[in-house]
Amino acid sequence: MDEQEFTAWAAGVERSLLRSTYLLTGDLHRAEDLVQEALVKVALRWDRLRDGNPTAYARTIVVRDHISWWRRRRREFPVEEPFGGAAVSSDPDTAMVVRRALQRLTPGQRAVVVLRHFDDLSVEETAAILRVAPGTVKSQNAAALARLRDGAPELLSLIGRAP
């Protein structure tokens, strides 16, 4: 394994992966654990992955491991406010509004919204990571956005639209 190449890739992707994972989980410590586990899994397969898209592979691992973890527990946990780390925005008020809005979504809807709108992935890329049909991504996205429009009017005021 080319350790320098892997280290450079990991250093470049870790922050954005942590941000996405935090938005997905709502728990900074859980996000850090998931990212660490994903980086270890990529490192073990680096020789095969380095010429492909290791970032997509890491993102897939994070999402699938989180969904598996959530399914085992089958209940919601209160989301605690982090003291630092993966910020959604440099503006604390904006970050708080986004975190609270994402907490209103189901885990599946949250995964779709984070991958589609924060990571800017296509419907097809999101579907591949979540192992669902593209139509499921579209319907989950539509349901999540409707839920946010109805239940989180502060997002509309944040982007300059009246609630």
N, C-alpha and C. Protein backbone atom coordinates (compact mmCIF):
# COMPACT_ATOMS: atom_id res chain seq x y z
N MET A 1 0.85 -1.19 0.00
CA MET A 1 0.00 0.00 0.00
C MET A 1 0.89 1.24 0.00
N ASP A 2 0.51 2.22 -0.79
CA ASP A 2 1.21 3.50 -0.83
C ASP A 2 0.65 4.38 0.29
N GLU A 3 1.36 4.38 1.43
CA GLU A 3 0.87 5.08 2.62
C GLU A 3 0.77 6.58 2.42
N GLN A 4 1.73 7.17 1.71
CA GLN A 4 1.71 8.62 1.50
C GLN A 4 0.50 9.03 0.66
N GLU A 5 0.21 8.25 -0.35
CA GLU A 5 -0.93 8.55 -1.21
C GLU A 5 -2.23 8.44 -0.42
N PHE A 6 -2.37 7.37 0.37
CA PHE A 6 -3.57 7.21 1.19
C PHE A 6 -3.68 8.34 2.21
N THR A 7 -2.59 8.66 2.88
CA THR A 7 -2.59 9.72 3.90
C THR A 7 -3.00 11.05 3.29
N ALA A 8 -2.49 11.36 2.12
CA ALA A 8 -2.86 12.61 1.45
C ALA A 8 -4.34 12.62 1.10
N TRP A 9 -4.84 11.50 0.58
CA TRP A 9 -6.27 11.41 0.24
C TRP A 9 -7.12 11.56 1.50
N ALA A 10 -6.77 10.83 2.56
CA ALA A 10 -7.55 10.87 3.80
C ALA A 10 -7.56 12.27 4.41
N ALA A 11 -6.43 12.95 4.39
CA ALA A 11 -6.37 14.30 4.94
C ALA A 11 -7.25 15.26 4.14
N GLY A 12 -7.33 15.04 2.84
CA GLY A 12 -8.13 15.91 1.99
C GLY A 12 -9.63 15.69 2.10
N VAL A 13 -10.03 14.47 2.43
CA VAL A 13 -11.46 14.13 2.44
C VAL A 13 -12.06 14.08 3.84
N GLU A 14 -11.24 13.99 4.86
CA GLU A 14 -11.74 13.75 6.21
C GLU A 14 -12.71 14.83 6.70
N ARG A 15 -12.39 16.09 6.49
CA ARG A 15 -13.25 17.17 7.00
C ARG A 15 -14.63 17.17 6.34
N SER A 16 -14.67 17.04 5.03
CA SER A 16 -15.98 17.04 4.35
C SER A 16 -16.77 15.78 4.69
N LEU A 17 -16.08 14.67 4.84
CA LEU A 17 -16.75 13.43 5.22
C LEU A 17 -17.31 13.53 6.65
N LEU A 18 -16.56 14.15 7.53
CA LEU A 18 -17.02 14.34 8.90
C LEU A 18 -18.23 15.28 8.94
N ARG A 19 -18.20 16.34 8.15
CA ARG A 19 -19.33 17.27 8.10
C ARG A 19 -20.59 16.55 7.64
N SER A 20 -20.48 15.81 6.56
CA SER A 20 -21.64 15.07 6.04
C SER A 20 -22.14 14.04 7.04
N THR A 21 -21.22 13.35 7.66
CA THR A 21 -21.60 12.32 8.62
C THR A 21 -22.26 12.92 9.85
N TYR A 22 -21.76 14.06 10.29
CA TYR A 22 -22.40 14.74 11.42
C TYR A 22 -23.82 15.16 11.06
N LEU A 23 -24.00 15.69 9.86
CA LEU A 23 -25.35 16.07 9.44
C LEU A 23 -26.26 14.85 9.35
N LEU A 24 -25.70 13.74 8.95
CA LEU A 24 -26.45 12.50 8.84
C LEU A 24 -26.86 11.96 10.21
N THR A 25 -25.94 11.97 11.16
CA THR A 25 -26.18 11.35 12.46
C THR A 25 -26.72 12.31 13.51
N GLY A 26 -26.33 13.58 13.43
CA GLY A 26 -26.70 14.53 14.46
C GLY A 26 -25.90 14.36 15.73
N ASP A 27 -24.88 13.52 15.71
CA ASP A 27 -24.07 13.23 16.90
C ASP A 27 -22.60 13.28 16.48
N LEU A 28 -21.88 14.27 17.00
CA LEU A 28 -20.49 14.46 16.59
C LEU A 28 -19.62 13.25 16.90
N HIS A 29 -19.78 12.68 18.08
CA HIS A 29 -18.94 11.53 18.46
C HIS A 29 -19.23 10.32 17.58
N ARG A 30 -20.50 10.08 17.30
CA ARG A 30 -20.88 8.98 16.41
C ARG A 30 -20.32 9.23 15.01
N ALA A 31 -20.39 10.47 14.56
CA ALA A 31 -19.86 10.83 13.24
C ALA A 31 -18.36 10.57 13.16
N GLU A 32 -17.64 10.96 14.19
CA GLU A 32 -16.19 10.73 14.21
C GLU A 32 -15.88 9.23 14.16
N ASP A 33 -16.63 8.44 14.90
CA ASP A 33 -16.43 6.98 14.89
C ASP A 33 -16.70 6.41 13.50
N LEU A 34 -17.80 6.82 12.89
CA LEU A 34 -18.14 6.31 11.55
C LEU A 34 -17.09 6.68 10.52
N VAL A 35 -16.61 7.91 10.58
CA VAL A 35 -15.57 8.34 9.63
C VAL A 35 -14.30 7.55 9.85
N GLN A 36 -13.92 7.37 11.10
CA GLN A 36 -12.71 6.61 11.39
C GLN A 36 -12.82 5.17 10.87
N GLU A 37 -13.97 4.55 11.11
CA GLU A 37 -14.19 3.18 10.62
C GLU A 37 -14.13 3.13 9.09
N ALA A 38 -14.71 4.13 8.45
CA ALA A 38 -14.69 4.16 6.98
C ALA A 38 -13.27 4.33 6.46
N LEU A 39 -12.49 5.19 7.08
CA LEU A 39 -11.10 5.39 6.64
C LEU A 39 -10.28 4.11 6.82
N VAL A 40 -10.52 3.38 7.89
CA VAL A 40 -9.81 2.11 8.09
C VAL A 40 -10.19 1.13 6.98
N LYS A 41 -11.47 1.05 6.66
CA LYS A 41 -11.92 0.11 5.61
C LYS A 41 -11.36 0.50 4.25
N VAL A 42 -11.27 1.80 3.97
CA VAL A 42 -10.67 2.25 2.71
C VAL A 42 -9.18 1.91 2.71
N ALA A 43 -8.51 2.12 3.84
CA ALA A 43 -7.07 1.83 3.91
C ALA A 43 -6.80 0.36 3.63
N LEU A 44 -7.65 -0.52 4.14
CA LEU A 44 -7.46 -1.95 3.92
C LEU A 44 -7.65 -2.35 2.46
N ARG A 45 -8.38 -1.54 1.71
CA ARG A 45 -8.65 -1.83 0.30
C ARG A 45 -8.02 -0.80 -0.63
N TRP A 46 -7.07 -0.03 -0.14
CA TRP A 46 -6.52 1.10 -0.88
C TRP A 46 -5.96 0.70 -2.24
N ASP A 47 -5.27 -0.42 -2.34
CA ASP A 47 -4.68 -0.83 -3.62
C ASP A 47 -5.73 -0.98 -4.71
N ARG A 48 -6.93 -1.45 -4.34
CA ARG A 48 -8.01 -1.60 -5.33
C ARG A 48 -8.78 -0.31 -5.54
N LEU A 49 -8.86 0.53 -4.52
CA LEU A 49 -9.73 1.72 -4.58
C LEU A 49 -9.06 2.98 -5.10
N ARG A 50 -7.76 3.08 -4.99
CA ARG A 50 -7.10 4.36 -5.29
C ARG A 50 -7.30 4.84 -6.72
N ASP A 51 -7.46 3.92 -7.66
CA ASP A 51 -7.67 4.31 -9.06
C ASP A 51 -9.13 4.57 -9.38
N GLY A 52 -10.03 4.22 -8.46
CA GLY A 52 -11.45 4.44 -8.66
C GLY A 52 -11.90 5.70 -7.96
N ASN A 53 -12.92 5.56 -7.13
CA ASN A 53 -13.45 6.70 -6.39
C ASN A 53 -13.51 6.33 -4.90
N PRO A 54 -12.39 6.44 -4.20
CA PRO A 54 -12.37 6.05 -2.79
C PRO A 54 -13.29 6.92 -1.93
N THR A 55 -13.52 8.15 -2.32
CA THR A 55 -14.40 9.03 -1.55
C THR A 55 -15.83 8.51 -1.58
N ALA A 56 -16.29 8.10 -2.74
CA ALA A 56 -17.65 7.53 -2.85
C ALA A 56 -17.75 6.25 -2.04
N TYR A 57 -16.70 5.45 -2.06
CA TYR A 57 -16.68 4.22 -1.28
C TYR A 57 -16.77 4.53 0.21
N ALA A 58 -16.00 5.51 0.67
CA ALA A 58 -16.02 5.90 2.09
C ALA A 58 -17.40 6.43 2.47
N ARG A 59 -18.00 7.23 1.61
CA ARG A 59 -19.33 7.77 1.89
C ARG A 59 -20.35 6.65 1.98
N THR A 60 -20.23 5.67 1.10
CA THR A 60 -21.14 4.53 1.12
C THR A 60 -21.00 3.76 2.44
N ILE A 61 -19.77 3.55 2.87
CA ILE A 61 -19.53 2.84 4.13
C ILE A 61 -20.18 3.59 5.29
N VAL A 62 -19.98 4.90 5.34
CA VAL A 62 -20.53 5.71 6.43
C VAL A 62 -22.05 5.59 6.46
N VAL A 63 -22.68 5.78 5.33
CA VAL A 63 -24.15 5.76 5.28
C VAL A 63 -24.68 4.38 5.65
N ARG A 64 -24.11 3.35 5.08
CA ARG A 64 -24.59 1.99 5.35
C ARG A 64 -24.35 1.57 6.80
N ASP A 65 -23.19 1.92 7.34
CA ASP A 65 -22.91 1.58 8.74
C ASP A 65 -23.85 2.33 9.68
N HIS A 66 -24.14 3.58 9.34
CA HIS A 66 -25.07 4.34 10.18
C HIS A 66 -26.48 3.76 10.11
N ILE A 67 -26.93 3.41 8.93
CA ILE A 67 -28.26 2.83 8.79
C ILE A 67 -28.34 1.50 9.52
N SER A 68 -27.31 0.68 9.43
CA SER A 68 -27.29 -0.60 10.15
C SER A 68 -27.34 -0.36 11.65
N TRP A 69 -26.57 0.60 12.13
CA TRP A 69 -26.57 0.93 13.55
C TRP A 69 -27.95 1.39 13.99
N TRP A 70 -28.56 2.27 13.19
CA TRP A 70 -29.87 2.80 13.54
C TRP A 70 -30.93 1.69 13.54
N ARG A 71 -30.88 0.80 12.58
CA ARG A 71 -31.86 -0.29 12.51
C ARG A 71 -31.75 -1.21 13.72
N ARG A 72 -30.53 -1.42 14.19
CA ARG A 72 -30.36 -2.27 15.37
C ARG A 72 -31.01 -1.64 16.61
N ARG A 73 -31.00 -0.35 16.67
CA ARG A 73 -31.56 0.33 17.84
C ARG A 73 -33.03 0.68 17.69
N ARG A 74 -33.47 1.00 16.49
CA ARG A 74 -34.88 1.28 16.16
C ARG A 74 -35.54 2.32 17.06
N ARG A 75 -34.76 3.28 17.48
CA ARG A 75 -35.35 4.37 18.23
C ARG A 75 -34.51 5.62 18.04
N GLU A 76 -35.11 6.74 18.28
CA GLU A 76 -34.44 8.02 18.14
C GLU A 76 -33.73 8.38 19.43
N PHE A 77 -32.58 8.99 19.32
CA PHE A 77 -31.84 9.49 20.46
C PHE A 77 -31.84 11.01 20.40
N PRO A 78 -31.92 11.66 21.54
CA PRO A 78 -31.84 13.12 21.51
C PRO A 78 -30.49 13.55 20.97
N VAL A 79 -30.49 14.59 20.20
CA VAL A 79 -29.26 15.08 19.61
C VAL A 79 -28.70 16.16 20.50
N GLU A 80 -27.46 15.96 20.92
CA GLU A 80 -26.83 16.94 21.78
C GLU A 80 -26.07 17.94 20.92
N GLU A 81 -25.96 19.12 21.39
CA GLU A 81 -25.23 20.16 20.68
C GLU A 81 -23.73 19.91 20.85
N PRO A 82 -22.98 19.91 19.76
CA PRO A 82 -21.54 19.70 19.87
C PRO A 82 -20.85 20.97 20.36
N PHE A 83 -19.68 20.80 20.92
CA PHE A 83 -18.91 21.94 21.40
C PHE A 83 -17.91 22.41 20.36
N GLY A 84 -17.83 21.75 19.25
CA GLY A 84 -16.92 22.15 18.19
C GLY A 84 -16.93 21.09 17.12
N GLY A 85 -16.05 21.23 16.15
CA GLY A 85 -15.92 20.18 15.15
C GLY A 85 -16.59 20.52 13.85
N ALA A 86 -17.43 19.62 13.36
CA ALA A 86 -17.97 19.70 12.02
C ALA A 86 -19.08 20.72 11.91
N ALA A 87 -18.73 21.93 11.58
CA ALA A 87 -19.73 22.99 11.49
C ALA A 87 -20.45 22.91 10.16
N VAL A 88 -21.73 23.22 10.18
CA VAL A 88 -22.54 23.29 8.98
C VAL A 88 -22.26 24.61 8.28
N SER A 89 -22.05 25.65 9.06
CA SER A 89 -21.82 26.99 8.55
C SER A 89 -20.91 27.71 9.52
N SER A 90 -20.26 28.76 9.04
CA SER A 90 -19.43 29.55 9.95
C SER A 90 -20.29 30.43 10.85
N ASP A 91 -21.56 30.63 10.47
CA ASP A 91 -22.50 31.40 11.28
C ASP A 91 -23.20 30.45 12.25
N PRO A 92 -23.02 30.64 13.56
CA PRO A 92 -23.62 29.71 14.52
C PRO A 92 -25.15 29.64 14.45
N ASP A 93 -25.80 30.77 14.15
CA ASP A 93 -27.26 30.76 14.05
C ASP A 93 -27.73 29.91 12.88
N THR A 94 -27.04 30.03 11.76
CA THR A 94 -27.38 29.23 10.58
C THR A 94 -27.16 27.75 10.87
N ALA A 95 -26.03 27.44 11.48
CA ALA A 95 -25.72 26.04 11.81
C ALA A 95 -26.78 25.45 12.72
N MET A 96 -27.24 26.22 13.71
CA MET A 96 -28.24 25.72 14.65
C MET A 96 -29.57 25.48 13.93
N VAL A 97 -29.97 26.39 13.05
CA VAL A 97 -31.22 26.24 12.31
C VAL A 97 -31.18 24.98 11.45
N VAL A 98 -30.07 24.77 10.76
CA VAL A 98 -29.94 23.60 9.88
C VAL A 98 -29.95 22.31 10.70
N ARG A 99 -29.21 22.27 11.81
CA ARG A 99 -29.19 21.06 12.65
C ARG A 99 -30.58 20.74 13.19
N ARG A 100 -31.27 21.75 13.68
CA ARG A 100 -32.61 21.51 14.21
C ARG A 100 -33.58 21.06 13.13
N ALA A 101 -33.45 21.61 11.95
CA ALA A 101 -34.32 21.21 10.85
C ALA A 101 -34.05 19.75 10.47
N LEU A 102 -32.79 19.36 10.39
CA LEU A 102 -32.45 17.99 10.02
C LEU A 102 -32.93 16.99 11.07
N GLN A 103 -33.02 17.41 12.32
CA GLN A 103 -33.50 16.52 13.38
C GLN A 103 -34.97 16.16 13.18
N ARG A 104 -35.70 16.96 12.42
CA ARG A 104 -37.12 16.70 12.19
C ARG A 104 -37.36 15.61 11.15
N LEU A 105 -36.32 15.21 10.47
CA LEU A 105 -36.46 14.23 9.40
C LEU A 105 -36.22 12.82 9.91
N THR A 106 -36.78 11.85 9.20
CA THR A 106 -36.48 10.45 9.51
C THR A 106 -35.04 10.18 9.10
N PRO A 107 -34.42 9.14 9.59
CA PRO A 107 -33.04 8.85 9.20
C PRO A 107 -32.86 8.69 7.68
N GLY A 108 -33.82 8.05 7.02
CA GLY A 108 -33.74 7.89 5.57
C GLY A 108 -33.83 9.22 4.84
N GLN A 109 -34.75 10.06 5.27
CA GLN A 109 -34.89 11.38 4.66
C GLN A 109 -33.64 12.22 4.91
N ARG A 110 -33.12 12.14 6.11
CA ARG A 110 -31.91 12.89 6.45
C ARG A 110 -30.74 12.45 5.57
N ALA A 111 -30.61 11.15 5.36
CA ALA A 111 -29.53 10.64 4.50
C ALA A 111 -29.66 11.20 3.09
N VAL A 112 -30.87 11.19 2.55
CA VAL A 112 -31.08 11.69 1.20
C VAL A 112 -30.77 13.19 1.13
N VAL A 113 -31.26 13.95 2.08
CA VAL A 113 -31.04 15.41 2.06
C VAL A 113 -29.56 15.73 2.18
N VAL A 114 -28.86 15.06 3.08
CA VAL A 114 -27.43 15.33 3.26
C VAL A 114 -26.66 14.98 1.99
N LEU A 115 -26.92 13.81 1.43
CA LEU A 115 -26.18 13.40 0.24
C LEU A 115 -26.53 14.26 -0.98
N ARG A 116 -27.80 14.57 -1.16
CA ARG A 116 -28.23 15.35 -2.33
C ARG A 116 -27.88 16.83 -2.22
N HIS A 117 -28.14 17.43 -1.06
CA HIS A 117 -28.04 18.88 -0.97
C HIS A 117 -26.79 19.41 -0.29
N PHE A 118 -26.20 18.63 0.61
CA PHE A 118 -24.98 19.08 1.26
C PHE A 118 -23.74 18.54 0.55
N ASP A 119 -23.82 17.29 0.08
CA ASP A 119 -22.70 16.71 -0.65
C ASP A 119 -22.84 16.89 -2.15
N ASP A 120 -23.98 17.41 -2.59
CA ASP A 120 -24.24 17.72 -3.99
C ASP A 120 -24.07 16.51 -4.91
N LEU A 121 -24.59 15.36 -4.46
CA LEU A 121 -24.55 14.16 -5.27
C LEU A 121 -25.80 14.09 -6.15
N SER A 122 -25.68 13.39 -7.25
CA SER A 122 -26.83 13.21 -8.14
C SER A 122 -27.80 12.20 -7.53
N VAL A 123 -28.97 12.12 -8.13
CA VAL A 123 -29.97 11.14 -7.69
C VAL A 123 -29.38 9.73 -7.81
N GLU A 124 -28.72 9.46 -8.92
CA GLU A 124 -28.15 8.13 -9.16
C GLU A 124 -27.05 7.80 -8.17
N GLU A 125 -26.17 8.76 -7.88
CA GLU A 125 -25.10 8.52 -6.91
C GLU A 125 -25.67 8.27 -5.51
N THR A 126 -26.67 9.05 -5.15
CA THR A 126 -27.31 8.89 -3.85
C THR A 126 -27.98 7.52 -3.76
N ALA A 127 -28.68 7.13 -4.82
CA ALA A 127 -29.35 5.83 -4.85
C ALA A 127 -28.34 4.70 -4.70
N ALA A 128 -27.20 4.82 -5.36
CA ALA A 128 -26.17 3.77 -5.28
C ALA A 128 -25.63 3.66 -3.86
N ILE A 129 -25.38 4.78 -3.21
CA ILE A 129 -24.85 4.75 -1.84
C ILE A 129 -25.86 4.15 -0.89
N LEU A 130 -27.14 4.54 -1.04
CA LEU A 130 -28.17 4.05 -0.13
C LEU A 130 -28.74 2.69 -0.52
N ARG A 131 -28.34 2.19 -1.69
CA ARG A 131 -28.84 0.92 -2.21
C ARG A 131 -30.36 0.93 -2.36
N VAL A 132 -30.85 1.99 -2.96
CA VAL A 132 -32.28 2.11 -3.24
C VAL A 132 -32.44 2.54 -4.69
N ALA A 133 -33.66 2.50 -5.17
CA ALA A 133 -33.95 2.94 -6.53
C ALA A 133 -33.90 4.46 -6.60
N PRO A 134 -33.57 5.01 -7.77
CA PRO A 134 -33.58 6.47 -7.92
C PRO A 134 -34.94 7.09 -7.58
N GLY A 135 -36.02 6.38 -7.87
CA GLY A 135 -37.34 6.88 -7.53
C GLY A 135 -37.53 7.03 -6.03
N THR A 136 -36.91 6.13 -5.26
CA THR A 136 -36.99 6.22 -3.81
C THR A 136 -36.26 7.47 -3.32
N VAL A 137 -35.12 7.75 -3.92
CA VAL A 137 -34.37 8.97 -3.56
C VAL A 137 -35.23 10.19 -3.85
N LYS A 138 -35.87 10.21 -5.01
CA LYS A 138 -36.71 11.36 -5.38
C LYS A 138 -37.89 11.51 -4.43
N SER A 139 -38.55 10.41 -4.09
CA SER A 139 -39.72 10.52 -3.21
C SER A 139 -39.30 10.88 -1.78
N GLN A 140 -38.19 10.31 -1.29
CA GLN A 140 -37.70 10.65 0.04
C GLN A 140 -37.28 12.12 0.09
N ASN A 141 -36.66 12.60 -0.98
CA ASN A 141 -36.24 13.99 -1.04
C ASN A 141 -37.45 14.91 -1.03
N ALA A 142 -38.46 14.58 -1.83
CA ALA A 142 -39.67 15.40 -1.88
C ALA A 142 -40.37 15.41 -0.53
N ALA A 143 -40.47 14.26 0.11
CA ALA A 143 -41.11 14.18 1.42
C ALA A 143 -40.32 14.97 2.47
N ALA A 144 -39.00 14.88 2.41
CA ALA A 144 -38.16 15.61 3.36
C ALA A 144 -38.30 17.11 3.16
N LEU A 145 -38.28 17.55 1.92
CA LEU A 145 -38.40 18.99 1.67
C LEU A 145 -39.78 19.51 2.08
N ALA A 146 -40.82 18.71 1.85
CA ALA A 146 -42.16 19.11 2.28
C ALA A 146 -42.22 19.19 3.80
N ARG A 147 -41.62 18.22 4.47
CA ARG A 147 -41.60 18.22 5.93
C ARG A 147 -40.84 19.44 6.46
N LEU A 148 -39.75 19.79 5.79
CA LEU A 148 -38.98 20.96 6.21
C LEU A 148 -39.75 22.25 5.95
N ARG A 149 -40.45 22.32 4.81
CA ARG A 149 -41.26 23.51 4.52
C ARG A 149 -42.35 23.71 5.56
N ASP A 150 -43.00 22.61 5.94
CA ASP A 150 -44.10 22.69 6.90
C ASP A 150 -43.62 22.83 8.35
N GLY A 151 -42.58 22.09 8.70
CA GLY A 151 -42.17 22.02 10.10
C GLY A 151 -40.99 22.88 10.49
N ALA A 152 -40.32 23.46 9.51
CA ALA A 152 -39.15 24.28 9.82
C ALA A 152 -39.19 25.59 9.03
N PRO A 153 -40.19 26.44 9.31
CA PRO A 153 -40.30 27.69 8.56
C PRO A 153 -39.09 28.61 8.74
N GLU A 154 -38.31 28.37 9.81
CA GLU A 154 -37.13 29.20 10.02
C GLU A 154 -36.12 29.03 8.89
N LEU A 155 -36.16 27.87 8.20
CA LEU A 155 -35.28 27.68 7.04
C LEU A 155 -35.66 28.63 5.92
N LEU A 156 -36.95 28.83 5.72
CA LEU A 156 -37.39 29.74 4.67
C LEU A 156 -36.95 31.18 4.95
N SER A 157 -37.05 31.60 6.20
CA SER A 157 -36.62 32.94 6.54
C SER A 157 -35.09 33.05 6.44
N LEU A 158 -34.40 31.94 6.67
CA LEU A 158 -32.95 31.93 6.57
C LEU A 158 -32.49 32.18 5.13
N ILE A 159 -33.24 31.65 4.15
CA ILE A 159 -32.86 31.84 2.75
C ILE A 159 -33.58 33.02 2.11
N GLY A 160 -34.30 33.79 2.91
CA GLY A 160 -34.90 35.01 2.42
C GLY A 160 -36.30 34.89 1.88
N ARG A 161 -36.99 33.80 2.18
CA ARG A 161 -38.38 33.64 1.74
C ARG A 161 -39.29 33.74 2.95
N ALA A 162 -40.41 34.35 2.76
CA ALA A 162 -41.36 34.49 3.86
C ALA A 162 -42.01 33.13 4.14
N PRO A 163 -42.20 32.77 5.42
CA PRO A 163 -42.83 31.49 5.75
C PRO A 163 -44.29 31.43 5.37
